[in-house]
Amino acid sequence: MAGAAGGFVTRAFEAMLKECAANRGKFAALQQSIQSCLDSIKGATAEGAVITEALASAGRVLEGPQAELVLQPLRLAVETKHVKLVEPALDCLHVINQSINHHHPLSSLPLLACLPA
């Protein structure tokens, strides 16, 4: 499930980024926030899935700036009240919440585990 959940969140962020671009700058702050998060994820995973597995097995959890990096785009998306942005943001929050409720550290989501410390 961890791989599927991380892939889901990544795809949702990419879909929200496309929707921001389609609205010609109307959601510039959100677009920048999502892009920063995706850049951090892609930069940290450039070395491959081995990093993700190592971090996940170490039981790392998100704290402070790492959590903000992931949660800020979701908050901004919900604040837009634009259905095509709110729906995937709420879906992401649900996936993260399920991760917590099933006693999996947030690092069990590859998207979240690979963020720089």
Protein backbone atom coordinates (compact mmCIF):
# COMPACT_ATOMS: atom_id res chain seq x y z
CA MET A 1 0.00 0.00 0.00
CA ALA A 2 2.82 2.41 0.79
CA GLY A 3 3.96 2.62 -2.83
CA ALA A 4 0.43 3.08 -4.10
CA ALA A 5 -0.33 5.79 -1.53
CA GLY A 6 2.84 7.72 -2.33
CA GLY A 7 2.12 7.44 -6.04
CA PHE A 8 -1.42 8.65 -5.45
CA VAL A 9 -0.26 11.74 -3.61
CA THR A 10 2.36 12.52 -6.26
CA ARG A 11 -0.18 12.15 -9.07
CA ALA A 12 -2.66 14.35 -7.19
CA PHE A 13 -0.03 17.08 -6.78
CA GLU A 14 0.81 16.87 -10.48
CA ALA A 15 -2.89 17.11 -11.41
CA MET A 16 -3.33 20.15 -9.17
CA LEU A 17 -0.26 21.73 -10.79
CA LYS A 18 -1.80 21.24 -14.25
CA GLU A 19 -5.05 22.79 -13.08
CA CYS A 20 -3.17 25.80 -11.70
CA ALA A 21 -1.39 26.26 -15.03
CA ALA A 22 -4.69 26.00 -16.89
CA ASN A 23 -6.04 28.95 -14.89
CA ARG A 24 -3.33 31.34 -16.15
CA GLY A 25 -1.78 32.52 -12.90
CA LYS A 26 -4.97 32.72 -10.87
CA PHE A 27 -3.46 30.29 -8.34
CA ALA A 28 0.19 31.38 -8.55
CA ALA A 29 0.97 30.87 -4.84
CA LEU A 30 -0.49 27.37 -4.93
CA GLN A 31 1.36 26.56 -8.14
CA GLN A 32 4.66 27.67 -6.61
CA SER A 33 4.01 25.71 -3.41
CA ILE A 34 3.19 22.50 -5.29
CA GLN A 35 6.19 22.93 -7.56
CA SER A 36 8.51 23.39 -4.56
CA CYS A 37 7.17 20.22 -2.97
CA LEU A 38 7.48 18.21 -6.18
CA ASP A 39 11.00 19.55 -6.81
CA SER A 40 12.07 18.46 -3.32
CA ILE A 41 10.56 15.04 -3.84
CA LYS A 42 12.06 14.53 -7.28
CA GLY A 43 15.45 15.83 -6.16
CA ALA A 44 15.52 13.48 -3.20
CA THR A 45 14.40 10.49 -5.26
CA ALA A 46 16.80 11.08 -8.13
CA GLU A 47 19.03 8.34 -6.76
CA GLY A 48 16.23 5.80 -6.98
CA ALA A 49 13.81 3.86 -4.82
CA VAL A 50 16.59 2.62 -2.55
CA ILE A 51 16.51 5.95 -0.69
CA THR A 52 12.78 5.64 -0.14
CA GLU A 53 13.07 2.14 1.28
CA ALA A 54 15.95 3.07 3.56
CA LEU A 55 14.17 6.10 4.97
CA ALA A 56 10.89 4.24 5.39
CA SER A 57 12.55 1.40 7.27
CA ALA A 58 14.29 3.91 9.53
CA GLY A 59 10.89 5.06 10.82
CA ARG A 60 11.41 8.72 9.94
CA VAL A 61 8.43 11.01 10.38
CA LEU A 62 7.78 14.48 9.04
CA GLU A 63 8.33 17.38 11.36
CA GLY A 64 8.47 21.16 11.07
CA PRO A 65 9.53 22.39 7.61
CA GLN A 66 9.08 18.94 6.05
CA ALA A 67 5.46 18.73 7.14
CA GLU A 68 4.87 22.31 6.02
CA LEU A 69 6.33 21.54 2.60
CA VAL A 70 3.65 18.86 2.06
CA LEU A 71 0.73 20.41 3.93
CA GLN A 72 0.99 23.99 2.63
CA PRO A 73 -0.04 23.13 -0.96
CA LEU A 74 -2.96 21.12 0.39
CA ARG A 75 -4.10 24.02 2.59
CA LEU A 76 -3.77 26.51 -0.26
CA ALA A 77 -5.69 24.21 -2.60
CA VAL A 78 -8.60 23.93 -0.16
CA GLU A 79 -8.62 27.71 0.33
CA THR A 80 -9.13 28.26 -3.43
CA LYS A 81 -12.62 26.69 -3.23
CA HIS A 82 -12.00 25.53 -6.82
CA VAL A 83 -13.45 22.01 -7.06
CA LYS A 84 -10.72 20.68 -9.33
CA LEU A 85 -8.15 21.70 -6.70
CA VAL A 86 -10.09 21.03 -3.50
CA GLU A 87 -11.03 17.45 -4.36
CA PRO A 88 -7.50 16.09 -4.92
CA ALA A 89 -6.23 18.04 -1.88
CA LEU A 90 -8.85 16.45 0.35
CA ASP A 91 -8.06 13.04 -1.15
CA CYS A 92 -4.39 13.56 -0.25
CA LEU A 93 -5.28 14.55 3.29
CA HIS A 94 -7.38 11.42 3.54
CA VAL A 95 -4.47 9.24 2.39
CA ILE A 96 -2.14 10.91 4.91
CA ASN A 97 -4.74 10.53 7.66
CA GLN A 98 -5.19 6.84 6.83
CA SER A 99 -1.43 6.42 7.07
CA ILE A 100 -1.49 7.87 10.58
CA ASN A 101 -4.60 5.95 11.67
CA HIS A 102 -3.13 2.64 10.58
CA HIS A 103 -0.06 3.25 12.74
CA HIS A 104 2.25 3.68 9.79
CA PRO A 105 4.74 6.48 10.12
CA LEU A 106 4.32 9.12 7.45
CA SER A 107 7.63 7.90 6.11
CA SER A 108 5.82 4.81 4.88
CA LEU A 109 4.54 6.99 2.05
CA PRO A 110 7.36 7.22 -0.47
CA LEU A 111 6.31 10.76 -1.32
CA LEU A 112 6.82 11.86 2.24
CA ALA A 113 9.73 9.63 3.20
CA CYS A 114 12.08 11.05 0.63
CA LEU A 115 11.85 14.68 1.66
CA PRO A 116 15.16 16.16 2.78
CA ALA A 117 15.67 16.46 6.52
